[in-house]
Amino acid sequence: MSVTFDRQDREIVKKVFGGLDVKAIAGAMEIAVSTVNSRLTSMCDRARVNRLQLVLWVLENPACLMRDTESLEGLHVPPCECGSPGCLGMIALGLAGEQSKVAL
């Protein structure tokens, strides 16, 4: 089963990896906290993991971040050459300098 996330899901994942909590994500994206919670729950359901496992699942399944070869900056599948220290592609390869604090 192939799981993919839409643009808003990918933006939420990026902000989670940036260390933002649900309230901060909602504020940054100008959406309701309930929308962020709903999307996180939906992502977890599709990946069949809980919220604590979602971050690891995304690192292990980077293709979920792609949609027709489109990805957000910092959310590239490995091997990534963007050079961004917080890029998931860099983290998955163990090349990121300091991993971001992840908040769910």
PDB file of N, CA and C in Angstrom:
ATOM      1  N   MET A   1       0.831  -1.173   0.000  1.00  0.00           N
ATOM      2  CA  MET A   1       0.000   0.000   0.000  1.00  0.00           C
ATOM      3  C   MET A   1       0.882   1.246   0.000  1.00  0.00           C
ATOM      4  N   SER A   2       0.637   2.127  -0.925  1.00  0.00           N
ATOM      5  CA  SER A   2       1.413   3.353  -1.032  1.00  0.00           C
ATOM      6  C   SER A   2       0.649   4.506  -0.384  1.00  0.00           C
ATOM      7  N   VAL A   3       1.297   5.173   0.549  1.00  0.00           N
ATOM      8  CA  VAL A   3       0.692   6.301   1.244  1.00  0.00           C
ATOM      9  C   VAL A   3       1.359   7.578   0.770  1.00  0.00           C
ATOM     10  N   THR A   4       0.544   8.554   0.378  1.00  0.00           N
ATOM     11  CA  THR A   4       1.078   9.862   0.017  1.00  0.00           C
ATOM     12  C   THR A   4       0.322  10.929   0.795  1.00  0.00           C
ATOM     13  N   PHE A   5       0.974  12.048   1.017  1.00  0.00           N
ATOM     14  CA  PHE A   5       0.367  13.165   1.721  1.00  0.00           C
ATOM     15  C   PHE A   5       0.185  14.324   0.757  1.00  0.00           C
ATOM     16  N   ASP A   6      -0.936  15.036   0.898  1.00  0.00           N
ATOM     17  CA  ASP A   6      -1.164  16.195   0.031  1.00  0.00           C
ATOM     18  C   ASP A   6      -0.324  17.380   0.520  1.00  0.00           C
ATOM     19  N   ARG A   7      -0.412  18.488  -0.202  1.00  0.00           N
ATOM     20  CA  ARG A   7       0.435  19.651   0.088  1.00  0.00           C
ATOM     21  C   ARG A   7       0.266  20.143   1.529  1.00  0.00           C
ATOM     22  N   GLN A   8      -0.975  20.232   2.002  1.00  0.00           N
ATOM     23  CA  GLN A   8      -1.189  20.723   3.363  1.00  0.00           C
ATOM     24  C   GLN A   8      -0.630  19.742   4.390  1.00  0.00           C
ATOM     25  N   ASP A   9      -0.789  18.437   4.158  1.00  0.00           N
ATOM     26  CA  ASP A   9      -0.195  17.435   5.045  1.00  0.00           C
ATOM     27  C   ASP A   9       1.321  17.582   5.079  1.00  0.00           C
ATOM     28  N   ARG A  10       1.928  17.746   3.915  1.00  0.00           N
ATOM     29  CA  ARG A  10       3.390  17.883   3.854  1.00  0.00           C
ATOM     30  C   ARG A  10       3.846  19.141   4.582  1.00  0.00           C
ATOM     31  N   GLU A  11       3.085  20.207   4.475  1.00  0.00           N
ATOM     32  CA  GLU A  11       3.429  21.449   5.181  1.00  0.00           C
ATOM     33  C   GLU A  11       3.357  21.236   6.696  1.00  0.00           C
ATOM     34  N   ILE A  12       2.354  20.500   7.142  1.00  0.00           N
ATOM     35  CA  ILE A  12       2.237  20.192   8.568  1.00  0.00           C
ATOM     36  C   ILE A  12       3.416  19.343   9.023  1.00  0.00           C
ATOM     37  N   VAL A  13       3.770  18.321   8.244  1.00  0.00           N
ATOM     38  CA  VAL A  13       4.914  17.466   8.590  1.00  0.00           C
ATOM     39  C   VAL A  13       6.187  18.308   8.682  1.00  0.00           C
ATOM     40  N   LYS A  14       6.376  19.202   7.741  1.00  0.00           N
ATOM     41  CA  LYS A  14       7.563  20.062   7.757  1.00  0.00           C
ATOM     42  C   LYS A  14       7.608  20.889   9.030  1.00  0.00           C
ATOM     43  N   LYS A  15       6.479  21.423   9.449  1.00  0.00           N
ATOM     44  CA  LYS A  15       6.440  22.249  10.656  1.00  0.00           C
ATOM     45  C   LYS A  15       6.635  21.404  11.919  1.00  0.00           C
ATOM     46  N   VAL A  16       6.125  20.176  11.908  1.00  0.00           N
ATOM     47  CA  VAL A  16       6.370  19.271  13.030  1.00  0.00           C
ATOM     48  C   VAL A  16       7.874  19.023  13.159  1.00  0.00           C
ATOM     49  N   PHE A  17       8.532  18.757  12.023  1.00  0.00           N
ATOM     50  CA  PHE A  17       9.976  18.544  12.047  1.00  0.00           C
ATOM     51  C   PHE A  17      10.731  19.801  12.450  1.00  0.00           C
ATOM     52  N   GLY A  18      10.116  20.959  12.246  1.00  0.00           N
ATOM     53  CA  GLY A  18      10.714  22.220  12.667  1.00  0.00           C
ATOM     54  C   GLY A  18      10.537  22.492  14.146  1.00  0.00           C
ATOM     55  N   GLY A  19       9.832  21.613  14.842  1.00  0.00           N
ATOM     56  CA  GLY A  19       9.685  21.733  16.287  1.00  0.00           C
ATOM     57  C   GLY A  19       8.435  22.461  16.740  1.00  0.00           C
ATOM     58  N   LEU A  20       7.535  22.779  15.825  1.00  0.00           N
ATOM     59  CA  LEU A  20       6.322  23.497  16.199  1.00  0.00           C
ATOM     60  C   LEU A  20       5.281  22.551  16.783  1.00  0.00           C
ATOM     61  N   ASP A  21       4.555  23.037  17.791  1.00  0.00           N
ATOM     62  CA  ASP A  21       3.444  22.256  18.322  1.00  0.00           C
ATOM     63  C   ASP A  21       2.187  22.556  17.507  1.00  0.00           C
ATOM     64  N   VAL A  22       1.103  21.891  17.838  1.00  0.00           N
ATOM     65  CA  VAL A  22      -0.125  21.993  17.052  1.00  0.00           C
ATOM     66  C   VAL A  22      -0.634  23.436  16.991  1.00  0.00           C
ATOM     67  N   LYS A  23      -0.614  24.147  18.119  1.00  0.00           N
ATOM     68  CA  LYS A  23      -1.087  25.538  18.144  1.00  0.00           C
ATOM     69  C   LYS A  23      -0.240  26.422  17.239  1.00  0.00           C
ATOM     70  N   ALA A  24       1.074  26.242  17.304  1.00  0.00           N
ATOM     71  CA  ALA A  24       1.983  27.048  16.484  1.00  0.00           C
ATOM     72  C   ALA A  24       1.806  26.736  14.998  1.00  0.00           C
ATOM     73  N   ILE A  25       1.597  25.472  14.682  1.00  0.00           N
ATOM     74  CA  ILE A  25       1.365  25.082  13.289  1.00  0.00           C
ATOM     75  C   ILE A  25       0.090  25.742  12.778  1.00  0.00           C
ATOM     76  N   ALA A  26      -0.969  25.674  13.572  1.00  0.00           N
ATOM     77  CA  ALA A  26      -2.243  26.277  13.179  1.00  0.00           C
ATOM     78  C   ALA A  26      -2.075  27.776  12.951  1.00  0.00           C
ATOM     79  N   GLY A  27      -1.365  28.448  13.833  1.00  0.00           N
ATOM     80  CA  GLY A  27      -1.136  29.879  13.688  1.00  0.00           C
ATOM     81  C   GLY A  27      -0.334  30.211  12.450  1.00  0.00           C
ATOM     82  N   ALA A  28       0.720  29.452  12.220  1.00  0.00           N
ATOM     83  CA  ALA A  28       1.591  29.703  11.064  1.00  0.00           C
ATOM     84  C   ALA A  28       0.868  29.460   9.744  1.00  0.00           C
ATOM     85  N   MET A  29      -0.027  28.483   9.733  1.00  0.00           N
ATOM     86  CA  MET A  29      -0.738  28.138   8.503  1.00  0.00           C
ATOM     87  C   MET A  29      -2.095  28.842   8.393  1.00  0.00           C
ATOM     88  N   GLU A  30      -2.450  29.576   9.448  1.00  0.00           N
ATOM     89  CA  GLU A  30      -3.726  30.284   9.505  1.00  0.00           C
ATOM     90  C   GLU A  30      -4.910  29.345   9.296  1.00  0.00           C
ATOM     91  N   ILE A  31      -4.859  28.233  10.034  1.00  0.00           N
ATOM     92  CA  ILE A  31      -5.950  27.267  10.038  1.00  0.00           C
ATOM     93  C   ILE A  31      -6.280  26.942  11.490  1.00  0.00           C
ATOM     94  N   ALA A  32      -7.396  26.296  11.719  1.00  0.00           N
ATOM     95  CA  ALA A  32      -7.828  25.962  13.075  1.00  0.00           C
ATOM     96  C   ALA A  32      -6.958  24.849  13.673  1.00  0.00           C
ATOM     97  N   VAL A  33      -6.793  24.896  14.991  1.00  0.00           N
ATOM     98  CA  VAL A  33      -6.068  23.842  15.700  1.00  0.00           C
ATOM     99  C   VAL A  33      -6.735  22.494  15.427  1.00  0.00           C
ATOM    100  N   SER A  34      -8.068  22.488  15.385  1.00  0.00           N
ATOM    101  CA  SER A  34      -8.789  21.237  15.119  1.00  0.00           C
ATOM    102  C   SER A  34      -8.460  20.680  13.734  1.00  0.00           C
ATOM    103  N   THR A  35      -8.181  21.567  12.773  1.00  0.00           N
ATOM    104  CA  THR A  35      -7.803  21.116  11.427  1.00  0.00           C
ATOM    105  C   THR A  35      -6.440  20.430  11.461  1.00  0.00           C
ATOM    106  N   VAL A  36      -5.498  21.017  12.190  1.00  0.00           N
ATOM    107  CA  VAL A  36      -4.167  20.408  12.319  1.00  0.00           C
ATOM    108  C   VAL A  36      -4.296  19.044  12.986  1.00  0.00           C
ATOM    109  N   ASN A  37      -5.049  18.983  14.085  1.00  0.00           N
ATOM    110  CA  ASN A  37      -5.245  17.708  14.776  1.00  0.00           C
ATOM    111  C   ASN A  37      -5.908  16.681  13.871  1.00  0.00           C
ATOM    112  N   SER A  38      -6.904  17.104  13.124  1.00  0.00           N
ATOM    113  CA  SER A  38      -7.602  16.197  12.209  1.00  0.00           C
ATOM    114  C   SER A  38      -6.663  15.664  11.134  1.00  0.00           C
ATOM    115  N   ARG A  39      -5.839  16.540  10.578  1.00  0.00           N
ATOM    116  CA  ARG A  39      -4.906  16.119   9.527  1.00  0.00           C
ATOM    117  C   ARG A  39      -3.838  15.182  10.087  1.00  0.00           C
ATOM    118  N   LEU A  40      -3.334  15.475  11.291  1.00  0.00           N
ATOM    119  CA  LEU A  40      -2.349  14.581  11.910  1.00  0.00           C
ATOM    120  C   LEU A  40      -2.968  13.207  12.161  1.00  0.00           C
ATOM    121  N   THR A  41      -4.206  13.184  12.649  1.00  0.00           N
ATOM    122  CA  THR A  41      -4.895  11.913  12.884  1.00  0.00           C
ATOM    123  C   THR A  41      -5.081  11.156  11.578  1.00  0.00           C
ATOM    124  N   SER A  42      -5.467  11.870  10.526  1.00  0.00           N
ATOM    125  CA  SER A  42      -5.655  11.232   9.218  1.00  0.00           C
ATOM    126  C   SER A  42      -4.344  10.655   8.687  1.00  0.00           C
ATOM    127  N   MET A  43      -3.253  11.417   8.827  1.00  0.00           N
ATOM    128  CA  MET A  43      -1.946  10.909   8.374  1.00  0.00           C
ATOM    129  C   MET A  43      -1.570   9.649   9.140  1.00  0.00           C
ATOM    130  N   CYS A  44      -1.791   9.667  10.456  1.00  0.00           N
ATOM    131  CA  CYS A  44      -1.473   8.503  11.281  1.00  0.00           C
ATOM    132  C   CYS A  44      -2.317   7.299  10.885  1.00  0.00           C
ATOM    133  N   ASP A  45      -3.600   7.542  10.625  1.00  0.00           N
ATOM    134  CA  ASP A  45      -4.485   6.445  10.206  1.00  0.00           C
ATOM    135  C   ASP A  45      -4.011   5.834   8.893  1.00  0.00           C
ATOM    136  N   ARG A  46      -3.652   6.681   7.928  1.00  0.00           N
ATOM    137  CA  ARG A  46      -3.204   6.174   6.632  1.00  0.00           C
ATOM    138  C   ARG A  46      -1.884   5.413   6.759  1.00  0.00           C
ATOM    139  N   ALA A  47      -1.011   5.884   7.644  1.00  0.00           N
ATOM    140  CA  ALA A  47       0.282   5.222   7.828  1.00  0.00           C
ATOM    141  C   ALA A  47       0.193   4.057   8.821  1.00  0.00           C
ATOM    142  N   ARG A  48      -0.959   3.966   9.508  1.00  0.00           N
ATOM    143  CA  ARG A  48      -1.177   2.932  10.520  1.00  0.00           C
ATOM    144  C   ARG A  48      -0.159   3.008  11.653  1.00  0.00           C
ATOM    145  N   VAL A  49       0.046   4.231  12.140  1.00  0.00           N
ATOM    146  CA  VAL A  49       0.948   4.485  13.263  1.00  0.00           C
ATOM    147  C   VAL A  49       0.274   5.487  14.193  1.00  0.00           C
ATOM    148  N   ASN A  50       0.850   5.663  15.394  1.00  0.00           N
ATOM    149  CA  ASN A  50       0.344   6.705  16.274  1.00  0.00           C
ATOM    150  C   ASN A  50       1.184   7.976  16.067  1.00  0.00           C
ATOM    151  N   ARG A  51       0.815   9.048  16.733  1.00  0.00           N
ATOM    152  CA  ARG A  51       1.510  10.323  16.507  1.00  0.00           C
ATOM    153  C   ARG A  51       2.995  10.260  16.851  1.00  0.00           C
ATOM    154  N   LEU A  52       3.333   9.520  17.884  1.00  0.00           N
ATOM    155  CA  LEU A  52       4.744   9.409  18.245  1.00  0.00           C
ATOM    156  C   LEU A  52       5.536   8.659  17.172  1.00  0.00           C
ATOM    157  N   GLN A  53       4.895   7.733  16.515  1.00  0.00           N
ATOM    158  CA  GLN A  53       5.563   6.943  15.484  1.00  0.00           C
ATOM    159  C   GLN A  53       5.564   7.623  14.120  1.00  0.00           C
ATOM    160  N   LEU A  54       4.717   8.640  13.929  1.00  0.00           N
ATOM    161  CA  LEU A  54       4.572   9.276  12.619  1.00  0.00           C
ATOM    162  C   LEU A  54       5.887   9.840  12.096  1.00  0.00           C
ATOM    163  N   VAL A  55       6.633  10.510  12.947  1.00  0.00           N
ATOM    164  CA  VAL A  55       7.894  11.120  12.521  1.00  0.00           C
ATOM    165  C   VAL A  55       8.859  10.060  12.006  1.00  0.00           C
ATOM    166  N   LEU A  56       9.009   8.979  12.743  1.00  0.00           N
ATOM    167  CA  LEU A  56       9.906   7.900  12.304  1.00  0.00           C
ATOM    168  C   LEU A  56       9.389   7.257  11.026  1.00  0.00           C
ATOM    169  N   TRP A  57       8.072   7.085  10.937  1.00  0.00           N
ATOM    170  CA  TRP A  57       7.483   6.485   9.740  1.00  0.00           C
ATOM    171  C   TRP A  57       7.781   7.337   8.513  1.00  0.00           C
ATOM    172  N   VAL A  58       7.658   8.659   8.642  1.00  0.00           N
ATOM    173  CA  VAL A  58       7.942   9.552   7.516  1.00  0.00           C
ATOM    174  C   VAL A  58       9.409   9.433   7.104  1.00  0.00           C
ATOM    175  N   LEU A  59      10.314   9.364   8.079  1.00  0.00           N
ATOM    176  CA  LEU A  59      11.737   9.210   7.747  1.00  0.00           C
ATOM    177  C   LEU A  59      12.006   7.888   7.035  1.00  0.00           C
ATOM    178  N   GLU A  60      11.289   6.847   7.421  1.00  0.00           N
ATOM    179  CA  GLU A  60      11.474   5.535   6.809  1.00  0.00           C
ATOM    180  C   GLU A  60      10.728   5.387   5.479  1.00  0.00           C
ATOM    181  N   ASN A  61       9.763   6.273   5.219  1.00  0.00           N
ATOM    182  CA  ASN A  61       8.938   6.205   4.007  1.00  0.00           C
ATOM    183  C   ASN A  61       8.886   7.569   3.323  1.00  0.00           C
ATOM    184  N   PRO A  62      10.026   8.075   2.886  1.00  0.00           N
ATOM    185  CA  PRO A  62      10.073   9.435   2.335  1.00  0.00           C
ATOM    186  C   PRO A  62       9.228   9.631   1.078  1.00  0.00           C
ATOM    187  N   ALA A  63       8.862   8.548   0.406  1.00  0.00           N
ATOM    188  CA  ALA A  63       8.027   8.691  -0.794  1.00  0.00           C
ATOM    189  C   ALA A  63       6.655   9.271  -0.453  1.00  0.00           C
ATOM    190  N   CYS A  64       6.230   9.182   0.803  1.00  0.00           N
ATOM    191  CA  CYS A  64       4.935   9.748   1.194  1.00  0.00           C
ATOM    192  C   CYS A  64       4.931  11.262   1.040  1.00  0.00           C
ATOM    193  N   LEU A  65       6.097  11.858   0.956  1.00  0.00           N
ATOM    194  CA  LEU A  65       6.210  13.309   0.833  1.00  0.00           C
ATOM    195  C   LEU A  65       6.181  13.781  -0.612  1.00  0.00           C
ATOM    196  N   MET A  66       6.160  12.841  -1.539  1.00  0.00           N
ATOM    197  CA  MET A  66       6.186  13.188  -2.957  1.00  0.00           C
ATOM    198  C   MET A  66       4.779  13.107  -3.538  1.00  0.00           C
ATOM    199  N   ARG A  67       4.505  13.987  -4.462  1.00  0.00           N
ATOM    200  CA  ARG A  67       3.245  13.952  -5.211  1.00  0.00           C
ATOM    201  C   ARG A  67       3.579  14.389  -6.614  1.00  0.00           C
ATOM    202  N   ASP A  68       3.581  13.469  -7.555  1.00  0.00           N
ATOM    203  CA  ASP A  68       3.942  13.777  -8.939  1.00  0.00           C
ATOM    204  C   ASP A  68       5.298  14.472  -9.004  1.00  0.00           C
ATOM    205  N   THR A  69       6.262  13.937  -8.288  1.00  0.00           N
ATOM    206  CA  THR A  69       7.640  14.428  -8.182  1.00  0.00           C
ATOM    207  C   THR A  69       7.739  15.803  -7.537  1.00  0.00           C
ATOM    208  N   GLU A  70       6.677  16.279  -6.913  1.00  0.00           N
ATOM    209  CA  GLU A  70       6.699  17.572  -6.234  1.00  0.00           C
ATOM    210  C   GLU A  70       6.934  17.345  -4.743  1.00  0.00           C
ATOM    211  N   SER A  71       7.808  18.136  -4.145  1.00  0.00           N
ATOM    212  CA  SER A  71       8.001  18.089  -2.700  1.00  0.00           C
ATOM    213  C   SER A  71       8.278  19.501  -2.206  1.00  0.00           C
ATOM    214  N   LEU A  72       8.042  19.698  -0.924  1.00  0.00           N
ATOM    215  CA  LEU A  72       8.330  20.995  -0.326  1.00  0.00           C
ATOM    216  C   LEU A  72       9.827  21.112  -0.056  1.00  0.00           C
ATOM    217  N   GLU A  73      10.341  22.324  -0.068  1.00  0.00           N
ATOM    218  CA  GLU A  73      11.743  22.529   0.278  1.00  0.00           C
ATOM    219  C   GLU A  73      11.974  21.979   1.677  1.00  0.00           C
ATOM    220  N   GLY A  74      13.018  21.216   1.845  1.00  0.00           N
ATOM    221  CA  GLY A  74      13.322  20.612   3.135  1.00  0.00           C
ATOM    222  C   GLY A  74      12.641  19.281   3.367  1.00  0.00           C
ATOM    223  N   LEU A  75      11.849  18.830   2.415  1.00  0.00           N
ATOM    224  CA  LEU A  75      11.168  17.538   2.542  1.00  0.00           C
ATOM    225  C   LEU A  75      11.464  16.685   1.317  1.00  0.00           C
ATOM    226  N   HIS A  76      12.716  16.506   1.028  1.00  0.00           N
ATOM    227  CA  HIS A  76      13.121  15.760  -0.158  1.00  0.00           C
ATOM    228  C   HIS A  76      13.428  14.313   0.194  1.00  0.00           C
ATOM    229  N   VAL A  77      13.158  13.440  -0.746  1.00  0.00           N
ATOM    230  CA  VAL A  77      13.512  12.043  -0.524  1.00  0.00           C
ATOM    231  C   VAL A  77      15.023  11.893  -0.688  1.00  0.00           C
ATOM    232  N   PRO A  78      15.617  10.963   0.066  1.00  0.00           N
ATOM    233  CA  PRO A  78      17.056  10.748  -0.069  1.00  0.00           C
ATOM    234  C   PRO A  78      17.379  10.097  -1.406  1.00  0.00           C
ATOM    235  N   PRO A  79      18.535  10.269  -1.993  1.00  0.00           N
ATOM    236  CA  PRO A  79      19.557  11.185  -1.495  1.00  0.00           C
ATOM    237  C   PRO A  79      19.227  12.616  -1.892  1.00  0.00           C
ATOM    238  N   CYS A  80      19.345  13.498  -0.944  1.00  0.00           N
ATOM    239  CA  CYS A  80      18.996  14.897  -1.152  1.00  0.00           C
ATOM    240  C   CYS A  80      20.276  15.722  -1.274  1.00  0.00           C
ATOM    241  N   GLU A  81      20.250  16.642  -2.190  1.00  0.00           N
ATOM    242  CA  GLU A  81      21.417  17.492  -2.394  1.00  0.00           C
ATOM    243  C   GLU A  81      21.122  18.956  -2.091  1.00  0.00           C
ATOM    244  N   CYS A  82      20.006  19.231  -1.380  1.00  0.00           N
ATOM    245  CA  CYS A  82      19.621  20.625  -1.149  1.00  0.00           C
ATOM    246  C   CYS A  82      20.541  21.299  -0.142  1.00  0.00           C
ATOM    247  N   GLY A  83      21.164  20.516   0.735  1.00  0.00           N
ATOM    248  CA  GLY A  83      22.097  21.089   1.699  1.00  0.00           C
ATOM    249  C   GLY A  83      21.429  21.680   2.925  1.00  0.00           C
ATOM    250  N   SER A  84      20.101  21.655   2.991  1.00  0.00           N
ATOM    251  CA  SER A  84      19.397  22.190   4.147  1.00  0.00           C
ATOM    252  C   SER A  84      19.619  21.264   5.343  1.00  0.00           C
ATOM    253  N   PRO A  85      20.132  21.790   6.481  1.00  0.00           N
ATOM    254  CA  PRO A  85      20.436  20.919   7.619  1.00  0.00           C
ATOM    255  C   PRO A  85      19.211  20.243   8.220  1.00  0.00           C
ATOM    256  N   GLY A  86      18.010  20.780   7.998  1.00  0.00           N
ATOM    257  CA  GLY A  86      16.814  20.170   8.542  1.00  0.00           C
ATOM    258  C   GLY A  86      16.040  19.350   7.546  1.00  0.00           C
ATOM    259  N   CYS A  87      16.597  19.159   6.352  1.00  0.00           N
ATOM    260  CA  CYS A  87      15.891  18.424   5.305  1.00  0.00           C
ATOM    261  C   CYS A  87      15.763  16.953   5.697  1.00  0.00           C
ATOM    262  N   LEU A  88      14.579  16.399   5.489  1.00  0.00           N
ATOM    263  CA  LEU A  88      14.362  14.992   5.828  1.00  0.00           C
ATOM    264  C   LEU A  88      15.283  14.071   5.053  1.00  0.00           C
ATOM    265  N   GLY A  89      15.569  14.434   3.815  1.00  0.00           N
ATOM    266  CA  GLY A  89      16.487  13.626   3.023  1.00  0.00           C
ATOM    267  C   GLY A  89      17.872  13.587   3.644  1.00  0.00           C
ATOM    268  N   MET A  90      18.299  14.729   4.177  1.00  0.00           N
ATOM    269  CA  MET A  90      19.606  14.789   4.842  1.00  0.00           C
ATOM    270  C   MET A  90      19.573  14.021   6.163  1.00  0.00           C
ATOM    271  N   ILE A  91      18.486  14.164   6.925  1.00  0.00           N
ATOM    272  CA  ILE A  91      18.371  13.472   8.205  1.00  0.00           C
ATOM    273  C   ILE A  91      18.352  11.965   7.984  1.00  0.00           C
ATOM    274  N   ALA A  92      17.585  11.514   6.988  1.00  0.00           N
ATOM    275  CA  ALA A  92      17.474  10.074   6.717  1.00  0.00           C
ATOM    276  C   ALA A  92      18.820   9.473   6.361  1.00  0.00           C
ATOM    277  N   LEU A  93      19.657  10.274   5.728  1.00  0.00           N
ATOM    278  CA  LEU A  93      20.985   9.788   5.371  1.00  0.00           C
ATOM    279  C   LEU A  93      21.997   9.974   6.495  1.00  0.00           C
ATOM    280  N   GLY A  94      21.572  10.591   7.594  1.00  0.00           N
ATOM    281  CA  GLY A  94      22.481  10.839   8.714  1.00  0.00           C
ATOM    282  C   GLY A  94      23.457  11.962   8.423  1.00  0.00           C
ATOM    283  N   LEU A  95      23.107  12.854   7.477  1.00  0.00           N
ATOM    284  CA  LEU A  95      24.023  13.915   7.100  1.00  0.00           C
ATOM    285  C   LEU A  95      23.659  15.270   7.691  1.00  0.00           C
ATOM    286  N   ALA A  96      22.535  15.346   8.377  1.00  0.00           N
ATOM    287  CA  ALA A  96      22.138  16.625   8.963  1.00  0.00           C
ATOM    288  C   ALA A  96      23.015  16.928  10.153  1.00  0.00           C
ATOM    289  N   GLY A  97      23.358  18.204  10.300  1.00  0.00           N
ATOM    290  CA  GLY A  97      24.216  18.617  11.413  1.00  0.00           C
ATOM    291  C   GLY A  97      23.569  18.335  12.755  1.00  0.00           C
ATOM    292  N   GLU A  98      22.498  19.039  13.052  1.00  0.00           N
ATOM    293  CA  GLU A  98      21.786  18.828  14.306  1.00  0.00           C
ATOM    294  C   GLU A  98      20.327  18.616  13.976  1.00  0.00           C
ATOM    295  N   GLN A  99      19.780  17.488  14.367  1.00  0.00           N
ATOM    296  CA  GLN A  99      18.383  17.197  14.040  1.00  0.00           C
ATOM    297  C   GLN A  99      17.479  18.154  14.784  1.00  0.00           C
ATOM    298  N   SER A 100      16.399  18.514  14.139  1.00  0.00           N
ATOM    299  CA  SER A 100      15.427  19.435  14.716  1.00  0.00           C
ATOM    300  C   SER A 100      14.688  18.775  15.862  1.00  0.00           C
ATOM    301  N   LYS A 101      14.250  19.623  16.795  1.00  0.00           N
ATOM    302  CA  LYS A 101      13.388  19.158  17.859  1.00  0.00           C
ATOM    303  C   LYS A 101      12.016  18.901  17.234  1.00  0.00           C
ATOM    304  N   VAL A 102      11.467  17.740  17.468  1.00  0.00           N
ATOM    305  CA  VAL A 102      10.196  17.375  16.877  1.00  0.00           C
ATOM    306  C   VAL A 102       9.115  17.416  17.945  1.00  0.00           C
ATOM    307  N   ALA A 103       8.033  18.152  17.691  1.00  0.00           N
ATOM    308  CA  ALA A 103       6.935  18.278  18.655  1.00  0.00           C
ATOM    309  C   ALA A 103       5.644  17.765  18.044  1.00  0.00           C
ATOM    310  N   LEU A 104       5.021  16.842  18.693  1.00  0.00           N
ATOM    311  CA  LEU A 104       3.688  16.383  18.306  1.00  0.00           C
ATOM    312  C   LEU A 104       2.814  16.656  19.474  1.00  0.00           C
TER     313      LEU A 104
END
